[in-house]
Amino acid sequence: MAKRARKPKRRPGKASRASGARGAELRDRILDAALKLAARRGWRRTGLADIAAEAGIGLDRLRTRFASKPAIVNGLIRRTDERALAHGAAEGSSARDRLFDVLMRRFDALAADRAGIAAILRDLCRDPATALCHAPRLMASMAWMLEAAGLSSSGPIGLLRAKGLAAVYLWALRAWLADDSRDLAKTMAALDRGLRQAEALAGLLDKGRDRAAKAASAVGKAAKGGKRRPA
């Protein structure tokens, strides 16, 4: 009896990488199509069917990757995260310098899609309820930026840091949209100013916590001193 030739075994690692590459390529096609249409006709007037057609795929494939237009916006935020983080840890001798570096990477990553990003943001500003849907994704994004800058994003302090950094980023994003200079001087000035203000506020909060801790300690000592000792 003739023996069957053995089929070469598939290596799961290679198959997984190939599948991941195809998934990333499809994601980028969809996101690029969404940005192109947003710049051309506005985000509110862009439908999911329009995006699928522009990307050259069926609605079924679009639905598999993104369930809604807000999901596509969140996908854009996540892709920007990945591009900013791809450069490794942020550079700088201070926390403020490192945050400046990593946030400027985000603006560099967005540069080629400025018209589409601007159109999406304009329409989101007219629809606050939908804009709020992106708050969790933005907070997660800022947490990653903190980690890239060597700052912990964990716990209550990490949450406060992420909220503060989100406010600084959105302030600088507004300047970036109106900044037509090649070196992004206005954007850098706005970002630097925002980070300095956040740094000053953080210092005040730290001093306030120190004073509160000292006051609590003093009260505790006074309470112990005031207790009657048993005869």
C-alpha atoms as a PDB file:
ATOM      1  CA  MET A   1       0.000   0.000   0.000  1.00  0.00           C
ATOM      2  CA  ALA A   2       1.364   3.375  -0.987  1.00  0.00           C
ATOM      3  CA  LYS A   3       2.026   5.716   1.872  1.00  0.00           C
ATOM      4  CA  ARG A   4       0.488   9.161   1.871  1.00  0.00           C
ATOM      5  CA  ALA A   5       2.912  11.997   1.706  1.00  0.00           C
ATOM      6  CA  ARG A   6       2.862  13.947   4.933  1.00  0.00           C
ATOM      7  CA  LYS A   7       1.680  17.492   4.665  1.00  0.00           C
ATOM      8  CA  PRO A   8       4.043  20.031   6.159  1.00  0.00           C
ATOM      9  CA  LYS A   9       2.838  21.204   9.530  1.00  0.00           C
ATOM     10  CA  ARG A  10       1.652  24.754   9.753  1.00  0.00           C
ATOM     11  CA  ARG A  11       3.433  26.854  12.259  1.00  0.00           C
ATOM     12  CA  PRO A  12       0.855  28.714  14.342  1.00  0.00           C
ATOM     13  CA  GLY A  13       3.180  31.628  14.871  1.00  0.00           C
ATOM     14  CA  LYS A  14       3.488  32.422  11.173  1.00  0.00           C
ATOM     15  CA  ALA A  15      -0.233  31.921  10.558  1.00  0.00           C
ATOM     16  CA  SER A  16      -1.073  34.203  13.462  1.00  0.00           C
ATOM     17  CA  ARG A  17       1.291  36.911  12.225  1.00  0.00           C
ATOM     18  CA  ALA A  18      -0.112  36.696   8.706  1.00  0.00           C
ATOM     19  CA  SER A  19      -3.667  36.931  10.029  1.00  0.00           C
ATOM     20  CA  GLY A  20      -2.702  39.897  12.203  1.00  0.00           C
ATOM     21  CA  ALA A  21      -1.097  41.668   9.249  1.00  0.00           C
ATOM     22  CA  ARG A  22      -4.220  41.160   7.142  1.00  0.00           C
ATOM     23  CA  GLY A  23      -6.382  42.459   9.975  1.00  0.00           C
ATOM     24  CA  ALA A  24      -4.209  45.556  10.367  1.00  0.00           C
ATOM     25  CA  GLU A  25      -4.271  46.164   6.604  1.00  0.00           C
ATOM     26  CA  LEU A  26      -8.065  45.939   6.548  1.00  0.00           C
ATOM     27  CA  ARG A  27      -8.334  48.236   9.547  1.00  0.00           C
ATOM     28  CA  ASP A  28      -6.116  50.844   7.910  1.00  0.00           C
ATOM     29  CA  ARG A  29      -8.094  50.683   4.656  1.00  0.00           C
ATOM     30  CA  ILE A  30     -11.312  51.350   6.547  1.00  0.00           C
ATOM     31  CA  LEU A  31      -9.876  54.148   8.673  1.00  0.00           C
ATOM     32  CA  ASP A  32      -8.214  55.824   5.692  1.00  0.00           C
ATOM     33  CA  ALA A  33     -11.471  55.611   3.725  1.00  0.00           C
ATOM     34  CA  ALA A  34     -13.392  57.155   6.638  1.00  0.00           C
ATOM     35  CA  LEU A  35     -10.914  60.025   6.903  1.00  0.00           C
ATOM     36  CA  LYS A  36     -10.993  60.670   3.165  1.00  0.00           C
ATOM     37  CA  LEU A  37     -14.794  60.815   3.087  1.00  0.00           C
ATOM     38  CA  ALA A  38     -14.977  62.961   6.229  1.00  0.00           C
ATOM     39  CA  ALA A  39     -12.646  65.505   4.636  1.00  0.00           C
ATOM     40  CA  ARG A  40     -14.637  65.445   1.410  1.00  0.00           C
ATOM     41  CA  ARG A  41     -18.239  65.595   2.628  1.00  0.00           C
ATOM     42  CA  GLY A  42     -18.191  65.873   6.425  1.00  0.00           C
ATOM     43  CA  TRP A  43     -18.507  63.165   9.050  1.00  0.00           C
ATOM     44  CA  ARG A  44     -22.254  63.510   9.634  1.00  0.00           C
ATOM     45  CA  ARG A  45     -22.979  63.002   5.944  1.00  0.00           C
ATOM     46  CA  THR A  46     -20.734  59.943   5.708  1.00  0.00           C
ATOM     47  CA  GLY A  47     -22.508  56.617   6.117  1.00  0.00           C
ATOM     48  CA  LEU A  48     -21.181  53.165   6.851  1.00  0.00           C
ATOM     49  CA  ALA A  49     -22.088  52.024   3.334  1.00  0.00           C
ATOM     50  CA  ASP A  50     -20.074  54.952   1.948  1.00  0.00           C
ATOM     51  CA  ILE A  51     -17.050  53.932   3.983  1.00  0.00           C
ATOM     52  CA  ALA A  52     -17.317  50.302   2.877  1.00  0.00           C
ATOM     53  CA  ALA A  53     -17.550  51.341  -0.777  1.00  0.00           C
ATOM     54  CA  GLU A  54     -14.584  53.709  -0.463  1.00  0.00           C
ATOM     55  CA  ALA A  55     -12.530  50.960   1.178  1.00  0.00           C
ATOM     56  CA  GLY A  56     -13.545  48.491  -1.537  1.00  0.00           C
ATOM     57  CA  ILE A  57     -15.124  45.982   0.832  1.00  0.00           C
ATOM     58  CA  GLY A  58     -18.592  44.703   1.619  1.00  0.00           C
ATOM     59  CA  LEU A  59     -20.657  45.810   4.570  1.00  0.00           C
ATOM     60  CA  ASP A  60     -20.187  42.374   6.114  1.00  0.00           C
ATOM     61  CA  ARG A  61     -16.420  42.870   6.345  1.00  0.00           C
ATOM     62  CA  LEU A  62     -16.856  46.386   7.673  1.00  0.00           C
ATOM     63  CA  ARG A  63     -19.279  45.095  10.309  1.00  0.00           C
ATOM     64  CA  THR A  64     -16.779  42.431  11.349  1.00  0.00           C
ATOM     65  CA  ARG A  65     -14.104  45.073  11.978  1.00  0.00           C
ATOM     66  CA  PHE A  66     -16.159  48.057  13.186  1.00  0.00           C
ATOM     67  CA  ALA A  67     -19.727  47.886  14.494  1.00  0.00           C
ATOM     68  CA  SER A  68     -20.510  51.608  14.177  1.00  0.00           C
ATOM     69  CA  LYS A  69     -19.176  55.028  13.274  1.00  0.00           C
ATOM     70  CA  PRO A  70     -18.198  55.730  16.910  1.00  0.00           C
ATOM     71  CA  ALA A  71     -16.216  52.472  16.794  1.00  0.00           C
ATOM     72  CA  ILE A  72     -14.376  53.814  13.737  1.00  0.00           C
ATOM     73  CA  VAL A  73     -13.485  57.014  15.610  1.00  0.00           C
ATOM     74  CA  ASN A  74     -12.236  54.938  18.523  1.00  0.00           C
ATOM     75  CA  GLY A  75     -10.213  52.942  15.998  1.00  0.00           C
ATOM     76  CA  LEU A  76      -8.590  56.173  14.818  1.00  0.00           C
ATOM     77  CA  ILE A  77      -7.669  57.068  18.397  1.00  0.00           C
ATOM     78  CA  ARG A  78      -6.203  53.619  18.953  1.00  0.00           C
ATOM     79  CA  ARG A  79      -4.173  53.741  15.744  1.00  0.00           C
ATOM     80  CA  THR A  80      -2.748  57.087  16.828  1.00  0.00           C
ATOM     81  CA  ASP A  81      -1.793  55.498  20.160  1.00  0.00           C
ATOM     82  CA  GLU A  82       0.029  52.692  18.372  1.00  0.00           C
ATOM     83  CA  ARG A  83       1.929  55.067  16.112  1.00  0.00           C
ATOM     84  CA  ALA A  84       2.977  57.258  19.049  1.00  0.00           C
ATOM     85  CA  LEU A  85       4.029  54.266  21.142  1.00  0.00           C
ATOM     86  CA  ALA A  86       5.943  52.637  18.275  1.00  0.00           C
ATOM     87  CA  HIS A  87       8.827  55.074  18.886  1.00  0.00           C
ATOM     88  CA  GLY A  88       9.489  53.605  22.331  1.00  0.00           C
ATOM     89  CA  ALA A  89       9.762  55.389  25.651  1.00  0.00           C
ATOM     90  CA  ALA A  90       9.443  59.160  25.575  1.00  0.00           C
ATOM     91  CA  GLU A  91      12.584  61.266  25.824  1.00  0.00           C
ATOM     92  CA  GLY A  92      13.260  64.021  28.326  1.00  0.00           C
ATOM     93  CA  SER A  93      14.875  64.676  31.694  1.00  0.00           C
ATOM     94  CA  SER A  94      11.610  65.613  33.415  1.00  0.00           C
ATOM     95  CA  ALA A  95       8.080  64.239  33.409  1.00  0.00           C
ATOM     96  CA  ARG A  96       6.870  67.387  31.639  1.00  0.00           C
ATOM     97  CA  ASP A  97       9.476  67.018  28.896  1.00  0.00           C
ATOM     98  CA  ARG A  98       8.570  63.372  28.368  1.00  0.00           C
ATOM     99  CA  LEU A  99       4.847  64.132  28.193  1.00  0.00           C
ATOM    100  CA  PHE A 100       5.581  66.905  25.702  1.00  0.00           C
ATOM    101  CA  ASP A 101       7.564  64.444  23.579  1.00  0.00           C
ATOM    102  CA  VAL A 102       4.932  61.708  23.526  1.00  0.00           C
ATOM    103  CA  LEU A 103       2.016  64.084  22.826  1.00  0.00           C
ATOM    104  CA  MET A 104       3.905  65.730  19.975  1.00  0.00           C
ATOM    105  CA  ARG A 105       4.334  62.247  18.508  1.00  0.00           C
ATOM    106  CA  ARG A 106       0.549  62.040  18.361  1.00  0.00           C
ATOM    107  CA  PHE A 107       0.338  65.254  16.371  1.00  0.00           C
ATOM    108  CA  ASP A 108       3.045  63.996  14.026  1.00  0.00           C
ATOM    109  CA  ALA A 109       1.017  60.807  13.514  1.00  0.00           C
ATOM    110  CA  LEU A 110      -2.107  62.839  12.709  1.00  0.00           C
ATOM    111  CA  ALA A 111      -0.411  65.261  10.315  1.00  0.00           C
ATOM    112  CA  ALA A 112      -1.282  63.438   7.086  1.00  0.00           C
ATOM    113  CA  ASP A 113      -4.964  63.200   8.075  1.00  0.00           C
ATOM    114  CA  ARG A 114      -5.509  66.736   9.356  1.00  0.00           C
ATOM    115  CA  ALA A 115      -8.466  67.531   7.045  1.00  0.00           C
ATOM    116  CA  GLY A 116     -10.336  64.348   7.960  1.00  0.00           C
ATOM    117  CA  ILE A 117      -9.613  64.704  11.678  1.00  0.00           C
ATOM    118  CA  ALA A 118     -10.792  68.331  11.605  1.00  0.00           C
ATOM    119  CA  ALA A 119     -14.053  67.348   9.886  1.00  0.00           C
ATOM    120  CA  ILE A 120     -14.748  64.599  12.419  1.00  0.00           C
ATOM    121  CA  LEU A 121     -14.023  66.884  15.374  1.00  0.00           C
ATOM    122  CA  ARG A 122     -16.233  69.656  13.976  1.00  0.00           C
ATOM    123  CA  ASP A 123     -19.207  67.330  13.727  1.00  0.00           C
ATOM    124  CA  LEU A 124     -18.557  65.743  17.126  1.00  0.00           C
ATOM    125  CA  CYS A 125     -18.578  69.198  18.718  1.00  0.00           C
ATOM    126  CA  ARG A 126     -22.126  69.612  17.396  1.00  0.00           C
ATOM    127  CA  ASP A 127     -23.147  66.301  18.953  1.00  0.00           C
ATOM    128  CA  PRO A 128     -21.971  66.263  22.607  1.00  0.00           C
ATOM    129  CA  ALA A 129     -23.799  63.027  23.406  1.00  0.00           C
ATOM    130  CA  THR A 130     -21.856  61.134  20.739  1.00  0.00           C
ATOM    131  CA  ALA A 131     -18.629  62.897  21.703  1.00  0.00           C
ATOM    132  CA  LEU A 132     -19.031  61.584  25.264  1.00  0.00           C
ATOM    133  CA  CYS A 133     -19.012  58.035  23.886  1.00  0.00           C
ATOM    134  CA  HIS A 134     -15.339  58.518  23.089  1.00  0.00           C
ATOM    135  CA  ALA A 135     -14.341  59.645  26.595  1.00  0.00           C
ATOM    136  CA  PRO A 136     -13.399  56.138  27.840  1.00  0.00           C
ATOM    137  CA  ARG A 137     -11.234  55.538  24.750  1.00  0.00           C
ATOM    138  CA  LEU A 138      -9.545  58.925  25.209  1.00  0.00           C
ATOM    139  CA  MET A 139      -8.863  58.192  28.881  1.00  0.00           C
ATOM    140  CA  ALA A 140      -7.333  54.832  27.980  1.00  0.00           C
ATOM    141  CA  SER A 141      -5.240  56.602  25.351  1.00  0.00           C
ATOM    142  CA  MET A 142      -3.930  59.137  27.875  1.00  0.00           C
ATOM    143  CA  ALA A 143      -3.112  56.316  30.298  1.00  0.00           C
ATOM    144  CA  TRP A 144      -0.832  54.790  27.642  1.00  0.00           C
ATOM    145  CA  MET A 145       0.801  58.174  27.054  1.00  0.00           C
ATOM    146  CA  LEU A 146       1.496  58.461  30.779  1.00  0.00           C
ATOM    147  CA  GLU A 147       3.112  55.040  30.818  1.00  0.00           C
ATOM    148  CA  ALA A 148       5.267  55.952  27.804  1.00  0.00           C
ATOM    149  CA  ALA A 149       6.417  59.017  29.748  1.00  0.00           C
ATOM    150  CA  GLY A 150       7.380  56.886  32.746  1.00  0.00           C
ATOM    151  CA  LEU A 151       4.390  57.891  34.883  1.00  0.00           C
ATOM    152  CA  SER A 152       2.034  55.391  36.468  1.00  0.00           C
ATOM    153  CA  SER A 153      -1.569  55.453  35.282  1.00  0.00           C
ATOM    154  CA  SER A 154      -2.781  53.132  38.061  1.00  0.00           C
ATOM    155  CA  GLY A 155      -5.056  53.935  40.967  1.00  0.00           C
ATOM    156  CA  PRO A 156      -6.823  57.204  41.850  1.00  0.00           C
ATOM    157  CA  ILE A 157      -3.694  59.295  41.233  1.00  0.00           C
ATOM    158  CA  GLY A 158      -3.247  57.698  37.811  1.00  0.00           C
ATOM    159  CA  LEU A 159      -6.861  58.479  36.964  1.00  0.00           C
ATOM    160  CA  LEU A 160      -6.371  62.121  37.940  1.00  0.00           C
ATOM    161  CA  ARG A 161      -3.234  62.260  35.829  1.00  0.00           C
ATOM    162  CA  ALA A 162      -5.065  60.818  32.826  1.00  0.00           C
ATOM    163  CA  LYS A 163      -7.900  63.337  33.192  1.00  0.00           C
ATOM    164  CA  GLY A 164      -5.466  66.218  33.474  1.00  0.00           C
ATOM    165  CA  LEU A 165      -3.453  65.021  30.484  1.00  0.00           C
ATOM    166  CA  ALA A 166      -6.646  64.625  28.436  1.00  0.00           C
ATOM    167  CA  ALA A 167      -7.524  68.272  29.157  1.00  0.00           C
ATOM    168  CA  VAL A 168      -4.032  69.392  28.103  1.00  0.00           C
ATOM    169  CA  TYR A 169      -4.150  67.264  24.952  1.00  0.00           C
ATOM    170  CA  LEU A 170      -7.557  68.575  23.866  1.00  0.00           C
ATOM    171  CA  TRP A 171      -6.361  72.161  24.451  1.00  0.00           C
ATOM    172  CA  ALA A 172      -3.291  71.535  22.292  1.00  0.00           C
ATOM    173  CA  LEU A 173      -5.403  69.699  19.698  1.00  0.00           C
ATOM    174  CA  ARG A 174      -7.482  72.838  19.256  1.00  0.00           C
ATOM    175  CA  ALA A 175      -4.305  74.835  18.605  1.00  0.00           C
ATOM    176  CA  TRP A 176      -3.039  72.137  16.214  1.00  0.00           C
ATOM    177  CA  LEU A 177      -6.158  72.373  14.063  1.00  0.00           C
ATOM    178  CA  ALA A 178      -5.485  76.077  13.470  1.00  0.00           C
ATOM    179  CA  ASP A 179      -1.692  75.763  13.218  1.00  0.00           C
ATOM    180  CA  ASP A 180      -0.541  76.117   9.605  1.00  0.00           C
ATOM    181  CA  SER A 181       3.168  76.457  10.413  1.00  0.00           C
ATOM    182  CA  ARG A 182       5.634  73.811   9.281  1.00  0.00           C
ATOM    183  CA  ASP A 183       7.266  73.489  12.696  1.00  0.00           C
ATOM    184  CA  LEU A 184       3.937  73.456  14.597  1.00  0.00           C
ATOM    185  CA  ALA A 185       5.163  76.348  16.740  1.00  0.00           C
ATOM    186  CA  LYS A 186       1.646  77.305  17.911  1.00  0.00           C
ATOM    187  CA  THR A 187       0.859  73.710  18.814  1.00  0.00           C
ATOM    188  CA  MET A 188       4.080  73.306  20.774  1.00  0.00           C
ATOM    189  CA  ALA A 189       3.481  76.602  22.599  1.00  0.00           C
ATOM    190  CA  ALA A 190      -0.053  75.581  23.576  1.00  0.00           C
ATOM    191  CA  LEU A 191       1.089  72.129  24.690  1.00  0.00           C
ATOM    192  CA  ASP A 192       3.978  73.530  26.719  1.00  0.00           C
ATOM    193  CA  ARG A 193       1.699  76.078  28.386  1.00  0.00           C
ATOM    194  CA  GLY A 194      -0.888  73.436  29.218  1.00  0.00           C
ATOM    195  CA  LEU A 195       1.690  71.065  30.689  1.00  0.00           C
ATOM    196  CA  ARG A 196       3.216  73.849  32.794  1.00  0.00           C
ATOM    197  CA  GLN A 197      -0.204  74.754  34.177  1.00  0.00           C
ATOM    198  CA  ALA A 198      -0.948  71.098  34.908  1.00  0.00           C
ATOM    199  CA  GLU A 199       2.437  70.763  36.610  1.00  0.00           C
ATOM    200  CA  ALA A 200       1.730  73.815  38.780  1.00  0.00           C
ATOM    201  CA  LEU A 201      -1.714  72.489  39.691  1.00  0.00           C
ATOM    202  CA  ALA A 202      -0.261  69.091  40.556  1.00  0.00           C
ATOM    203  CA  GLY A 203       2.250  70.829  42.816  1.00  0.00           C
ATOM    204  CA  LEU A 204      -0.522  72.703  44.613  1.00  0.00           C
ATOM    205  CA  LEU A 205      -2.483  69.483  45.053  1.00  0.00           C
ATOM    206  CA  ASP A 206       0.599  67.705  46.414  1.00  0.00           C
ATOM    207  CA  LYS A 207       1.191  70.530  48.895  1.00  0.00           C
ATOM    208  CA  GLY A 208      -2.469  70.391  49.873  1.00  0.00           C
ATOM    209  CA  ARG A 209      -2.227  66.656  50.498  1.00  0.00           C
ATOM    210  CA  ASP A 210       0.920  67.187  52.582  1.00  0.00           C
ATOM    211  CA  ARG A 211      -0.789  69.865  54.692  1.00  0.00           C
ATOM    212  CA  ALA A 212      -3.841  67.659  55.144  1.00  0.00           C
ATOM    213  CA  ALA A 213      -1.662  64.724  56.192  1.00  0.00           C
ATOM    214  CA  LYS A 214       0.246  66.887  58.701  1.00  0.00           C
ATOM    215  CA  ALA A 215      -2.998  68.282  60.099  1.00  0.00           C
ATOM    216  CA  ALA A 216      -4.453  64.781  60.468  1.00  0.00           C
ATOM    217  CA  SER A 217      -1.255  63.651  62.202  1.00  0.00           C
ATOM    218  CA  ALA A 218      -1.377  66.618  64.587  1.00  0.00           C
ATOM    219  CA  VAL A 219      -5.019  65.933  65.420  1.00  0.00           C
ATOM    220  CA  GLY A 220      -4.187  62.284  66.039  1.00  0.00           C
ATOM    221  CA  LYS A 221      -1.355  63.197  68.403  1.00  0.00           C
ATOM    222  CA  ALA A 222      -3.546  65.720  70.220  1.00  0.00           C
ATOM    223  CA  ALA A 223      -6.274  63.126  70.606  1.00  0.00           C
ATOM    224  CA  LYS A 224      -3.798  60.635  72.070  1.00  0.00           C
ATOM    225  CA  GLY A 225      -2.395  63.262  74.428  1.00  0.00           C
ATOM    226  CA  GLY A 226      -5.857  64.215  75.598  1.00  0.00           C
ATOM    227  CA  LYS A 227      -6.849  60.692  76.607  1.00  0.00           C
ATOM    228  CA  ARG A 228      -7.038  60.014  80.329  1.00  0.00           C
ATOM    229  CA  ARG A 229      -4.597  57.491  81.590  1.00  0.00           C
ATOM    230  CA  PRO A 230      -6.034  54.834  83.861  1.00  0.00           C
ATOM    231  CA  ALA A 231      -5.131  55.401  87.528  1.00  0.00           C
END
